[in-house]
């Protein structure tokens, strides 16, 4: 396993560590039978502390994401059969995880940090939720009419849970990257072992042929 694979494994492992810490707050929101106010407040404090962290923390997180992309592109540059299937698929999964972060987590984090900003509301997943609720209300399928302004308390809880759900999806994507990288390493190792066996067999046959002469 070369330095390029090391870049990918190190980056993915680091991101796993970040999500593992977040899962302490995510699990009560998603998988516990009862959703408590204390669980919501604890998750909100955690994500706000992460969002308002010093620039060095954000730079480290984004740098590790970039390291994984660089490692996968460097591996894909070989453009052999292994790279096309394993590294290509790994790159797609890794980019998918980054898109979940940039497209789901970041907009909702900004909204939680500034809940009265209506522009942020319409740039977050809450806008999609409101649109679906409004369509159901207009069709007479629901008696609930969504708010048209700053984020409500229920939407605040929904935004935090959306971030938690995106972390779960990211775990699946990053697990796929790890599985593909380990599978690629195993197959390359087996190919190297088989090639060495063939080389030794050919050398043995050559020596025996010389003895017969």
Protein backbone atom coordinates (compact mmCIF):
# COMPACT_ATOMS: atom_id res chain seq x y z
CA UNK A 1 0.00 0.00 0.00
CA UNK A 2 1.64 3.20 -1.23
CA UNK A 3 1.49 6.79 -0.04
CA UNK A 4 -1.50 7.51 -2.30
CA UNK A 5 -3.54 4.83 -0.58
CA UNK A 6 -2.24 6.19 2.71
CA UNK A 7 -3.68 9.61 1.82
CA UNK A 8 -7.09 8.06 1.20
CA UNK A 9 -7.13 5.85 4.30
CA UNK A 10 -5.85 8.65 6.56
CA UNK A 11 -8.41 11.12 5.25
CA UNK A 12 -11.30 8.67 5.50
CA UNK A 13 -10.28 7.56 9.00
CA UNK A 14 -10.09 11.18 10.16
CA UNK A 15 -13.58 11.91 8.83
CA UNK A 16 -14.85 8.72 10.48
CA UNK A 17 -13.47 10.04 13.76
CA UNK A 18 -15.29 13.36 13.39
CA UNK A 19 -18.57 11.60 12.59
CA UNK A 20 -18.04 9.17 15.47
CA UNK A 21 -17.89 12.11 17.87
CA UNK A 22 -21.00 13.61 16.26
CA UNK A 23 -22.83 10.27 16.53
CA UNK A 24 -22.89 10.69 20.32
CA UNK A 25 -25.38 13.51 19.71
CA UNK A 26 -26.94 12.11 16.51
CA UNK A 27 -28.14 8.76 17.83
CA UNK A 28 -30.57 10.16 20.45
CA UNK A 29 -32.14 12.33 17.73
CA UNK A 30 -32.59 9.56 15.17
CA UNK A 31 -32.80 6.18 16.86
CA UNK A 32 -34.17 6.70 20.37
CA UNK A 33 -37.87 6.10 20.89
CA UNK A 34 -38.42 9.45 22.61
CA UNK A 35 -36.99 12.73 21.35
CA UNK A 36 -36.14 14.87 24.37
CA UNK A 37 -35.41 18.60 24.57
CA UNK A 38 -32.11 17.88 26.30
CA UNK A 39 -30.93 15.74 23.36
CA UNK A 40 -31.85 18.49 20.89
CA UNK A 41 -30.11 21.17 22.96
CA UNK A 42 -26.98 19.04 23.39
CA UNK A 43 -26.79 18.42 19.64
CA UNK A 44 -27.37 22.10 18.90
CA UNK A 45 -24.58 23.16 21.29
CA UNK A 46 -22.20 20.65 19.72
CA UNK A 47 -22.88 21.70 16.14
CA UNK A 48 -22.78 25.40 16.98
CA UNK A 49 -19.42 24.94 18.73
CA UNK A 50 -18.15 23.11 15.65
CA UNK A 51 -19.55 25.79 13.33
CA UNK A 52 -18.04 28.63 15.39
CA UNK A 53 -14.72 26.83 15.94
CA UNK A 54 -11.44 28.63 15.13
CA UNK A 55 -10.37 28.79 11.51
CA UNK A 56 -7.65 26.20 12.16
CA UNK A 57 -10.30 23.55 12.93
CA UNK A 58 -12.20 24.28 9.71
CA UNK A 59 -8.96 24.34 7.73
CA UNK A 60 -7.96 20.96 9.16
CA UNK A 61 -11.34 19.43 8.29
CA UNK A 62 -11.33 20.78 4.74
CA UNK A 63 -7.67 19.91 4.31
CA UNK A 64 -8.31 16.27 5.20
CA UNK A 65 -11.18 16.20 2.70
CA UNK A 66 -8.85 17.59 0.05
CA UNK A 67 -6.18 15.05 0.96
CA UNK A 68 -8.58 12.19 0.25
CA UNK A 69 -9.56 13.64 -3.13
CA UNK A 70 -5.91 14.20 -4.09
CA UNK A 71 -5.01 10.63 -3.11
CA UNK A 72 -7.86 9.13 -5.14
CA UNK A 73 -7.13 11.27 -8.21
CA UNK A 74 -3.45 10.29 -7.99
CA UNK A 75 -4.43 6.61 -7.83
CA UNK A 76 -6.95 7.00 -10.65
CA UNK A 77 -4.24 8.58 -12.80
CA UNK A 78 -2.69 5.11 -13.25
CA UNK A 79 -5.79 4.25 -15.33
CA UNK A 80 -5.49 0.48 -15.23
CA UNK A 81 -8.35 -1.94 -14.60
CA UNK A 82 -7.99 -1.73 -10.83
CA UNK A 83 -7.92 2.06 -10.85
CA UNK A 84 -10.93 2.43 -13.12
CA UNK A 85 -13.23 0.26 -11.05
CA UNK A 86 -11.99 0.54 -7.47
CA UNK A 87 -10.49 4.04 -7.37
CA UNK A 88 -13.13 5.47 -9.70
CA UNK A 89 -15.93 4.15 -7.50
CA UNK A 90 -14.09 5.30 -4.37
CA UNK A 91 -13.76 8.81 -5.80
CA UNK A 92 -17.47 8.91 -6.60
CA UNK A 93 -18.37 7.85 -3.05
CA UNK A 94 -15.90 10.28 -1.47
CA UNK A 95 -17.16 13.19 -3.56
CA UNK A 96 -20.71 12.15 -2.61
CA UNK A 97 -19.75 12.43 1.06
CA UNK A 98 -18.29 15.91 0.47
CA UNK A 99 -21.48 16.94 -1.36
CA UNK A 100 -23.54 15.80 1.64
CA UNK A 101 -21.40 18.05 3.83
CA UNK A 102 -21.49 21.08 1.54
CA UNK A 103 -25.06 20.71 0.30
CA UNK A 104 -26.85 19.57 3.47
CA UNK A 105 -24.80 20.06 6.62
CA UNK A 106 -23.31 23.50 5.94
CA UNK A 107 -26.57 25.28 4.91
CA UNK A 108 -28.40 23.85 7.93
CA UNK A 109 -25.53 24.74 10.27
CA UNK A 110 -25.66 28.32 9.02
CA UNK A 111 -29.40 28.38 9.61
CA UNK A 112 -29.09 27.05 13.16
CA UNK A 113 -26.46 29.70 13.88
CA UNK A 114 -28.72 32.46 12.48
CA UNK A 115 -32.34 31.20 12.77
CA UNK A 116 -33.96 34.59 12.02
CA UNK A 117 -32.28 34.94 8.62
CA UNK A 118 -35.04 34.18 6.10
CA UNK A 119 -32.58 33.94 3.21
CA UNK A 120 -30.79 31.09 4.95
CA UNK A 121 -34.15 29.39 5.55
CA UNK A 122 -34.83 29.27 1.82
CA UNK A 123 -31.30 28.00 1.10
CA UNK A 124 -31.65 25.07 3.51
CA UNK A 125 -33.57 21.80 3.58
CA UNK A 126 -36.31 23.56 5.55
CA UNK A 127 -37.41 25.26 2.32
CA UNK A 128 -38.10 21.87 0.73
CA UNK A 129 -40.02 20.80 3.82
CA UNK A 130 -42.12 23.98 3.75
CA UNK A 131 -42.87 23.56 0.07
CA UNK A 132 -44.07 19.99 0.58
CA UNK A 133 -46.22 21.06 3.54
CA UNK A 134 -47.70 23.96 1.55
CA UNK A 135 -48.57 21.69 -1.38
CA UNK A 136 -50.31 19.27 0.98
CA UNK A 137 -52.21 22.18 2.57
CA UNK A 138 -53.31 23.59 -0.81
CA UNK A 139 -54.52 20.16 -1.93
CA UNK A 140 -56.51 19.75 1.26
CA UNK A 141 -54.44 16.77 2.36
CA UNK A 142 -53.33 18.57 5.53
CA UNK A 143 -54.70 21.27 7.82
CA UNK A 144 -51.22 22.48 8.74
CA UNK A 145 -50.05 25.62 6.95
CA UNK A 146 -46.27 26.11 7.16
CA UNK A 147 -44.73 29.33 8.43
CA UNK A 148 -43.54 31.94 5.96
CA UNK A 149 -40.66 33.68 7.69
CA UNK A 150 -38.00 32.90 10.25
CA UNK A 151 -37.36 29.34 11.35
CA UNK A 152 -39.79 27.95 13.92
CA UNK A 153 -38.90 25.77 16.91
CA UNK A 154 -40.10 22.60 15.15
CA UNK A 155 -38.07 23.49 12.07
CA UNK A 156 -35.02 24.05 14.29
CA UNK A 157 -35.34 20.49 15.55
CA UNK A 158 -35.87 19.26 11.98
CA UNK A 159 -32.73 21.07 10.79
CA UNK A 160 -30.61 19.43 13.49
CA UNK A 161 -32.06 16.01 12.67
CA UNK A 162 -31.36 16.56 8.97
CA UNK A 163 -27.69 17.15 9.81
CA UNK A 164 -27.69 13.96 11.88
CA UNK A 165 -29.27 11.99 9.04
CA UNK A 166 -26.72 13.34 6.55
CA UNK A 167 -23.96 12.10 8.87
CA UNK A 168 -25.46 8.61 8.75
CA UNK A 169 -25.47 8.69 4.94
CA UNK A 170 -21.88 9.94 4.98
CA UNK A 171 -20.88 6.97 7.16
CA UNK A 172 -22.28 4.60 4.51
CA UNK A 173 -20.41 6.41 1.72
CA UNK A 174 -17.09 6.45 3.59
CA UNK A 175 -17.51 2.79 4.54
CA UNK A 176 -17.82 2.06 0.83
CA UNK A 177 -14.53 3.89 0.22
CA UNK A 178 -12.74 1.83 2.87
CA UNK A 179 -14.17 -1.47 1.58
CA UNK A 180 -13.16 -0.67 -2.01
CA UNK A 181 -9.63 0.37 -1.00
CA UNK A 182 -9.09 -2.76 1.10
CA UNK A 183 -10.47 -4.94 -1.70
CA UNK A 184 -8.15 -3.29 -4.21
CA UNK A 185 -5.14 -3.80 -1.94
CA UNK A 186 -6.03 -7.47 -1.42
CA UNK A 187 -6.44 -8.15 -5.15
CA UNK A 188 -3.18 -6.37 -5.99
CA UNK A 189 -1.41 -8.39 -3.31
CA UNK A 190 -2.85 -11.64 -4.69
CA UNK A 191 -1.76 -10.69 -8.20
CA UNK A 192 1.76 -9.99 -6.94
CA UNK A 193 1.87 -13.35 -5.11
CA UNK A 194 0.64 -15.21 -8.21
CA UNK A 195 3.15 -13.39 -10.41
CA UNK A 196 5.98 -14.33 -8.03
CA UNK A 197 4.87 -17.99 -8.09
CA UNK A 198 4.86 -17.98 -11.89
CA UNK A 199 8.30 -16.37 -11.97
CA UNK A 200 9.73 -18.99 -9.62
CA UNK A 201 8.11 -21.80 -11.60
CA UNK A 202 9.53 -20.47 -14.85
CA UNK A 203 12.98 -20.11 -13.27
CA UNK A 204 12.77 -23.68 -11.97
CA UNK A 205 11.76 -25.01 -15.38
CA UNK A 206 14.60 -23.08 -17.01
CA UNK A 207 17.15 -24.57 -14.58
CA UNK A 208 15.81 -28.08 -15.19
CA UNK A 209 15.94 -27.56 -18.94
CA UNK A 210 19.59 -26.54 -18.71
CA UNK A 211 20.38 -29.64 -16.62
CA UNK A 212 18.79 -31.90 -19.23
CA UNK A 213 21.07 -30.45 -21.86
